[in-house]
Every structure is written in C-alpha cells, then in structure tokens.
Amino acid sequence: YVPLYSRLSSASSPIPKSHMERAIDHSLPTGIDVWPNYPNPFSDVTSFTFKLGEDKHVRLAIYDAMGREITVITDADYQRGVHSAVLRSGDLPNGLYFYRLTTDEGMIQWKMLLMR
C-alpha cells in the first residue's frame, strides 16, 4: 500500500522551478494603488487598503476640505504586498475629508465623507 500523497514532492514536480517562480512573481502586486476607504460614508471607523509592488516607505494622511492636514494614519516602511490601516474618527466633525497615500513613486488621493 502506497498513499496517494507519497508521490508528491518538490523534487519530482512536473512544473519547472523557473515557471513556478514566474507564476509567483505574476501573482504579487506591482506598482502602488489605494482602494476607496470602506465604509464611505462612515461614522466611527473606516479602513484603507493599499498595495505595493515593492518595499516602500508609505505615508497615509487625512486632510480636511481646506487642505489642512488633520492626522497621519501611518508613516512607515512596508513590504511588497497588500496592507490596510484604520481611522477612528474620534472627535472629528462631520464633513468631507481627503486621504492621501504618498510614496517615492508619487501620490494618490481619494475623498471620504464622515457622517454621524
């Protein structure tokens, strides 16, 4: 009796290693991107999701409708991949806000609405 899974090993893989590495590289993110915050509009908490095609320093900040910086959600180094961050509205007044993700590649900005 030989179990079915005994024939599975990395040494006898029918897929060449170079093809597997290329498939992994294609499945990982490239460039930078930010998705709309969720939920939007929000009342107490909203989350931000962004992807990085390579290791980057990321700054994610919130601005009011007049362009004044309200708070910085993150200002740190991140590895390649998909990440998320959370904003708790605290004592912020209702209104229109903008969030801006900045890296050395550039800046992406979206708007969001705080409604209680």
N, C-alpha and C. Protein backbone atom coordinates (compact mmCIF):
# COMPACT_ATOMS: atom_id res chain seq x y z
N TYR A 1 0.84 -1.19 0.00
CA TYR A 1 0.00 0.00 0.00
C TYR A 1 0.87 1.24 0.00
N VAL A 2 0.66 2.13 -0.98
CA VAL A 2 1.39 3.40 -1.07
C VAL A 2 0.36 4.51 -1.08
N PRO A 3 0.40 5.42 -0.09
CA PRO A 3 -0.58 6.51 -0.09
C PRO A 3 -0.41 7.40 -1.31
N LEU A 4 -1.52 7.95 -1.76
CA LEU A 4 -1.52 8.80 -2.95
C LEU A 4 -0.59 9.99 -2.80
N TYR A 5 -0.58 10.62 -1.63
CA TYR A 5 0.22 11.82 -1.45
C TYR A 5 1.72 11.54 -1.39
N SER A 6 2.13 10.31 -1.28
CA SER A 6 3.55 10.00 -1.19
C SER A 6 4.28 10.32 -2.49
N ARG A 7 3.55 10.43 -3.58
CA ARG A 7 4.18 10.73 -4.86
C ARG A 7 4.40 12.24 -5.06
N LEU A 8 3.89 13.03 -4.14
CA LEU A 8 4.03 14.47 -4.26
C LEU A 8 5.27 14.93 -3.52
N SER A 9 6.18 15.53 -4.24
CA SER A 9 7.36 16.12 -3.61
C SER A 9 7.88 17.20 -4.52
N SER A 10 8.61 18.14 -3.94
CA SER A 10 9.13 19.24 -4.75
C SER A 10 10.19 18.76 -5.73
N ALA A 11 10.86 17.65 -5.42
CA ALA A 11 11.91 17.15 -6.29
C ALA A 11 11.34 16.56 -7.58
N SER A 12 10.13 16.02 -7.51
CA SER A 12 9.57 15.39 -8.70
C SER A 12 8.43 16.21 -9.29
N SER A 13 8.40 17.49 -9.03
CA SER A 13 7.34 18.35 -9.52
C SER A 13 7.36 18.41 -11.04
N PRO A 14 6.20 18.24 -11.70
CA PRO A 14 6.16 18.30 -13.16
C PRO A 14 6.32 19.74 -13.69
N ILE A 15 6.24 20.73 -12.81
CA ILE A 15 6.37 22.13 -13.23
C ILE A 15 7.80 22.59 -12.94
N PRO A 16 8.52 23.05 -13.97
CA PRO A 16 9.89 23.52 -13.75
C PRO A 16 9.91 24.69 -12.75
N LYS A 17 10.96 24.74 -11.96
CA LYS A 17 11.09 25.76 -10.92
C LYS A 17 11.00 27.17 -11.50
N SER A 18 11.59 27.42 -12.65
CA SER A 18 11.56 28.76 -13.25
C SER A 18 10.13 29.19 -13.58
N HIS A 19 9.29 28.24 -14.00
CA HIS A 19 7.89 28.55 -14.29
C HIS A 19 7.13 28.87 -13.02
N MET A 20 7.43 28.14 -11.95
CA MET A 20 6.75 28.39 -10.67
C MET A 20 7.14 29.78 -10.14
N GLU A 21 8.43 30.13 -10.25
CA GLU A 21 8.88 31.45 -9.78
C GLU A 21 8.20 32.57 -10.58
N ARG A 22 8.09 32.40 -11.90
CA ARG A 22 7.41 33.41 -12.72
C ARG A 22 5.94 33.53 -12.35
N ALA A 23 5.29 32.40 -12.08
CA ALA A 23 3.88 32.43 -11.68
C ALA A 23 3.70 33.16 -10.36
N ILE A 24 4.61 32.94 -9.43
CA ILE A 24 4.54 33.65 -8.14
C ILE A 24 4.76 35.14 -8.36
N ASP A 25 5.75 35.52 -9.17
CA ASP A 25 6.00 36.94 -9.44
C ASP A 25 4.79 37.60 -10.07
N HIS A 26 4.09 36.92 -10.96
CA HIS A 26 2.91 37.49 -11.62
C HIS A 26 1.74 37.63 -10.66
N SER A 27 1.70 36.82 -9.62
CA SER A 27 0.58 36.90 -8.69
C SER A 27 0.79 37.98 -7.63
N LEU A 28 2.01 38.46 -7.47
CA LEU A 28 2.28 39.52 -6.49
C LEU A 28 1.97 40.88 -7.10
N PRO A 29 1.61 41.85 -6.26
CA PRO A 29 1.25 43.17 -6.79
C PRO A 29 2.42 43.91 -7.40
N THR A 30 2.10 44.80 -8.33
CA THR A 30 3.10 45.68 -8.93
C THR A 30 2.61 47.11 -8.79
N GLY A 31 3.52 48.08 -8.78
CA GLY A 31 3.15 49.47 -8.66
C GLY A 31 2.56 49.77 -7.29
N ILE A 32 1.85 50.90 -7.20
CA ILE A 32 1.14 51.24 -5.97
C ILE A 32 -0.31 51.52 -6.32
N ASP A 33 -1.19 51.24 -5.38
CA ASP A 33 -2.60 51.51 -5.59
C ASP A 33 -3.27 51.64 -4.23
N VAL A 34 -4.34 52.41 -4.20
CA VAL A 34 -5.15 52.57 -2.99
C VAL A 34 -6.59 52.36 -3.40
N TRP A 35 -7.31 51.54 -2.65
CA TRP A 35 -8.73 51.34 -2.91
C TRP A 35 -9.53 52.35 -2.09
N PRO A 36 -10.76 52.63 -2.49
CA PRO A 36 -11.59 53.55 -1.69
C PRO A 36 -11.75 53.02 -0.27
N ASN A 37 -11.76 53.95 0.69
CA ASN A 37 -11.94 53.53 2.08
C ASN A 37 -13.31 52.86 2.24
N TYR A 38 -13.40 52.00 3.25
CA TYR A 38 -14.65 51.29 3.48
C TYR A 38 -14.96 51.28 4.96
N PRO A 39 -16.15 51.61 5.38
CA PRO A 39 -17.24 52.15 4.55
C PRO A 39 -17.02 53.62 4.24
N ASN A 40 -17.73 54.09 3.25
CA ASN A 40 -17.70 55.50 2.88
C ASN A 40 -19.06 55.86 2.30
N PRO A 41 -19.82 56.71 2.95
CA PRO A 41 -19.52 57.49 4.16
C PRO A 41 -19.38 56.60 5.38
N PHE A 42 -18.72 57.13 6.42
CA PHE A 42 -18.51 56.38 7.65
C PHE A 42 -18.91 57.24 8.84
N SER A 43 -19.07 56.58 10.00
CA SER A 43 -19.44 57.34 11.19
C SER A 43 -18.38 57.26 12.27
N ASP A 44 -17.85 56.09 12.56
CA ASP A 44 -16.86 55.97 13.64
C ASP A 44 -15.50 55.46 13.15
N VAL A 45 -15.54 54.41 12.31
CA VAL A 45 -14.31 53.76 11.87
C VAL A 45 -14.39 53.51 10.38
N THR A 46 -13.27 53.72 9.70
CA THR A 46 -13.16 53.37 8.28
C THR A 46 -11.78 52.77 8.05
N SER A 47 -11.66 51.91 7.04
CA SER A 47 -10.38 51.27 6.77
C SER A 47 -9.90 51.59 5.36
N PHE A 48 -8.60 51.56 5.21
CA PHE A 48 -7.93 51.87 3.95
C PHE A 48 -7.09 50.67 3.55
N THR A 49 -7.15 50.30 2.29
CA THR A 49 -6.36 49.19 1.77
C THR A 49 -5.50 49.70 0.63
N PHE A 50 -4.23 49.33 0.68
CA PHE A 50 -3.31 49.75 -0.39
C PHE A 50 -2.38 48.61 -0.73
N LYS A 51 -1.89 48.64 -1.98
CA LYS A 51 -0.95 47.60 -2.41
C LYS A 51 0.34 48.25 -2.87
N LEU A 52 1.42 47.51 -2.67
CA LEU A 52 2.75 47.97 -3.06
C LEU A 52 3.43 46.90 -3.89
N GLY A 53 4.00 47.29 -5.01
CA GLY A 53 4.70 46.35 -5.88
C GLY A 53 6.11 46.05 -5.41
N GLU A 54 6.62 46.85 -4.49
CA GLU A 54 7.94 46.61 -3.91
C GLU A 54 7.98 47.28 -2.54
N ASP A 55 9.01 46.97 -1.77
CA ASP A 55 9.13 47.57 -0.45
C ASP A 55 9.19 49.09 -0.59
N LYS A 56 8.40 49.80 0.22
CA LYS A 56 8.31 51.26 0.10
C LYS A 56 8.08 51.89 1.47
N HIS A 57 8.45 53.16 1.56
CA HIS A 57 8.04 53.98 2.69
C HIS A 57 6.70 54.60 2.30
N VAL A 58 5.71 54.47 3.18
CA VAL A 58 4.35 54.93 2.89
C VAL A 58 3.93 55.94 3.94
N ARG A 59 3.32 57.01 3.46
CA ARG A 59 2.71 57.99 4.35
C ARG A 59 1.24 58.11 3.95
N LEU A 60 0.35 57.83 4.89
CA LEU A 60 -1.09 57.93 4.65
C LEU A 60 -1.62 58.97 5.63
N ALA A 61 -2.11 60.09 5.09
CA ALA A 61 -2.55 61.21 5.93
C ALA A 61 -3.96 61.64 5.53
N ILE A 62 -4.65 62.27 6.49
CA ILE A 62 -6.02 62.77 6.31
C ILE A 62 -5.97 64.29 6.28
N TYR A 63 -6.73 64.87 5.34
CA TYR A 63 -6.80 66.32 5.16
C TYR A 63 -8.25 66.76 5.18
N ASP A 64 -8.50 67.96 5.69
CA ASP A 64 -9.87 68.48 5.66
C ASP A 64 -10.14 69.11 4.29
N ALA A 65 -11.34 69.63 4.10
CA ALA A 65 -11.74 70.19 2.80
C ALA A 65 -10.93 71.42 2.42
N MET A 66 -10.30 72.06 3.41
CA MET A 66 -9.46 73.24 3.13
C MET A 66 -8.01 72.86 2.82
N GLY A 67 -7.70 71.56 2.88
CA GLY A 67 -6.36 71.10 2.57
C GLY A 67 -5.42 71.06 3.77
N ARG A 68 -5.95 71.26 4.98
CA ARG A 68 -5.12 71.20 6.18
C ARG A 68 -4.98 69.76 6.64
N GLU A 69 -3.75 69.38 6.98
CA GLU A 69 -3.52 68.02 7.47
C GLU A 69 -4.18 67.87 8.84
N ILE A 70 -5.00 66.81 8.98
CA ILE A 70 -5.72 66.54 10.22
C ILE A 70 -4.97 65.51 11.07
N THR A 71 -4.58 64.42 10.44
CA THR A 71 -3.86 63.36 11.15
C THR A 71 -3.08 62.51 10.16
N VAL A 72 -2.08 61.83 10.67
CA VAL A 72 -1.30 60.88 9.88
C VAL A 72 -1.63 59.48 10.39
N ILE A 73 -2.15 58.65 9.51
CA ILE A 73 -2.53 57.29 9.89
C ILE A 73 -1.30 56.39 9.97
N THR A 74 -0.43 56.51 8.99
CA THR A 74 0.82 55.74 9.01
C THR A 74 1.90 56.51 8.28
N ASP A 75 3.11 56.35 8.74
CA ASP A 75 4.30 56.93 8.11
C ASP A 75 5.43 55.96 8.41
N ALA A 76 5.46 54.87 7.62
CA ALA A 76 6.36 53.77 7.95
C ALA A 76 6.77 53.02 6.68
N ASP A 77 7.75 52.14 6.86
CA ASP A 77 8.20 51.27 5.77
C ASP A 77 7.30 50.04 5.72
N TYR A 78 6.93 49.65 4.50
CA TYR A 78 6.08 48.47 4.27
C TYR A 78 6.75 47.59 3.23
N GLN A 79 6.50 46.28 3.34
CA GLN A 79 7.00 45.33 2.36
C GLN A 79 6.01 45.21 1.21
N ARG A 80 6.48 44.67 0.12
CA ARG A 80 5.64 44.41 -1.05
C ARG A 80 4.43 43.59 -0.62
N GLY A 81 3.25 43.98 -1.12
CA GLY A 81 2.05 43.25 -0.78
C GLY A 81 0.87 44.17 -0.56
N VAL A 82 -0.18 43.62 0.01
CA VAL A 82 -1.41 44.37 0.28
C VAL A 82 -1.49 44.63 1.78
N HIS A 83 -1.80 45.87 2.14
CA HIS A 83 -1.82 46.28 3.55
C HIS A 83 -3.10 47.06 3.83
N SER A 84 -3.43 47.19 5.11
CA SER A 84 -4.58 48.01 5.48
C SER A 84 -4.27 48.81 6.72
N ALA A 85 -5.01 49.90 6.89
CA ALA A 85 -4.88 50.79 8.04
C ALA A 85 -6.28 51.26 8.41
N VAL A 86 -6.44 51.69 9.66
CA VAL A 86 -7.76 52.06 10.17
C VAL A 86 -7.73 53.48 10.71
N LEU A 87 -8.82 54.21 10.48
CA LEU A 87 -9.00 55.54 11.06
C LEU A 87 -10.21 55.49 11.98
N ARG A 88 -10.02 55.92 13.21
CA ARG A 88 -11.12 56.10 14.16
C ARG A 88 -11.41 57.59 14.19
N SER A 89 -12.65 57.97 13.92
CA SER A 89 -12.99 59.38 13.72
C SER A 89 -12.87 60.21 15.00
N GLY A 90 -12.99 59.58 16.17
CA GLY A 90 -12.82 60.32 17.42
C GLY A 90 -13.74 61.53 17.49
N ASP A 91 -13.15 62.70 17.66
CA ASP A 91 -13.95 63.92 17.78
C ASP A 91 -13.93 64.77 16.50
N LEU A 92 -13.60 64.16 15.37
CA LEU A 92 -13.63 64.90 14.11
C LEU A 92 -15.07 65.31 13.79
N PRO A 93 -15.26 66.53 13.30
CA PRO A 93 -16.61 66.94 12.91
C PRO A 93 -17.05 66.29 11.60
N ASN A 94 -18.35 66.21 11.40
CA ASN A 94 -18.88 65.72 10.13
C ASN A 94 -18.31 66.54 8.99
N GLY A 95 -18.17 65.91 7.84
CA GLY A 95 -17.73 66.67 6.69
C GLY A 95 -16.95 65.86 5.68
N LEU A 96 -16.48 66.56 4.68
CA LEU A 96 -15.69 65.99 3.60
C LEU A 96 -14.21 66.01 3.98
N TYR A 97 -13.55 64.88 3.79
CA TYR A 97 -12.12 64.76 4.07
C TYR A 97 -11.45 64.08 2.87
N PHE A 98 -10.15 64.23 2.79
CA PHE A 98 -9.35 63.58 1.76
C PHE A 98 -8.28 62.75 2.44
N TYR A 99 -7.99 61.60 1.86
CA TYR A 99 -6.84 60.84 2.34
C TYR A 99 -5.87 60.71 1.20
N ARG A 100 -4.60 60.81 1.56
CA ARG A 100 -3.53 60.87 0.58
C ARG A 100 -2.46 59.85 0.94
N LEU A 101 -2.19 58.93 0.02
CA LEU A 101 -1.11 57.97 0.18
C LEU A 101 0.07 58.47 -0.64
N THR A 102 1.21 58.64 0.02
CA THR A 102 2.40 59.17 -0.64
C THR A 102 3.56 58.20 -0.50
N THR A 103 4.23 57.92 -1.63
CA THR A 103 5.47 57.15 -1.63
C THR A 103 6.45 57.91 -2.51
N ASP A 104 7.65 57.35 -2.68
CA ASP A 104 8.61 58.00 -3.57
C ASP A 104 8.19 57.90 -5.04
N GLU A 105 7.20 57.05 -5.35
CA GLU A 105 6.68 56.94 -6.72
C GLU A 105 5.66 58.02 -7.04
N GLY A 106 5.07 58.60 -6.00
CA GLY A 106 4.05 59.62 -6.24
C GLY A 106 3.00 59.62 -5.15
N MET A 107 1.84 60.19 -5.49
CA MET A 107 0.78 60.38 -4.52
C MET A 107 -0.56 59.99 -5.14
N ILE A 108 -1.42 59.35 -4.33
CA ILE A 108 -2.78 59.01 -4.74
C ILE A 108 -3.71 59.59 -3.68
N GLN A 109 -4.77 60.25 -4.14
CA GLN A 109 -5.70 60.88 -3.21
C GLN A 109 -7.13 60.48 -3.51
N TRP A 110 -7.91 60.23 -2.45
CA TRP A 110 -9.34 59.92 -2.56
C TRP A 110 -10.08 60.79 -1.57
N LYS A 111 -11.39 60.91 -1.77
CA LYS A 111 -12.21 61.66 -0.82
C LYS A 111 -13.08 60.70 -0.02
N MET A 112 -13.48 61.17 1.18
CA MET A 112 -14.34 60.38 2.05
C MET A 112 -15.25 61.32 2.82
N LEU A 113 -16.34 60.78 3.32
CA LEU A 113 -17.34 61.59 3.99
C LEU A 113 -17.62 61.01 5.38
N LEU A 114 -17.44 61.88 6.39
CA LEU A 114 -17.75 61.50 7.77
C LEU A 114 -19.14 62.01 8.12
N MET A 115 -20.04 61.08 8.47
CA MET A 115 -21.42 61.45 8.82
C MET A 115 -21.83 60.63 10.04
N ARG A 116 -22.26 61.34 11.05
CA ARG A 116 -22.73 60.63 12.27
C ARG A 116 -24.23 60.67 12.36
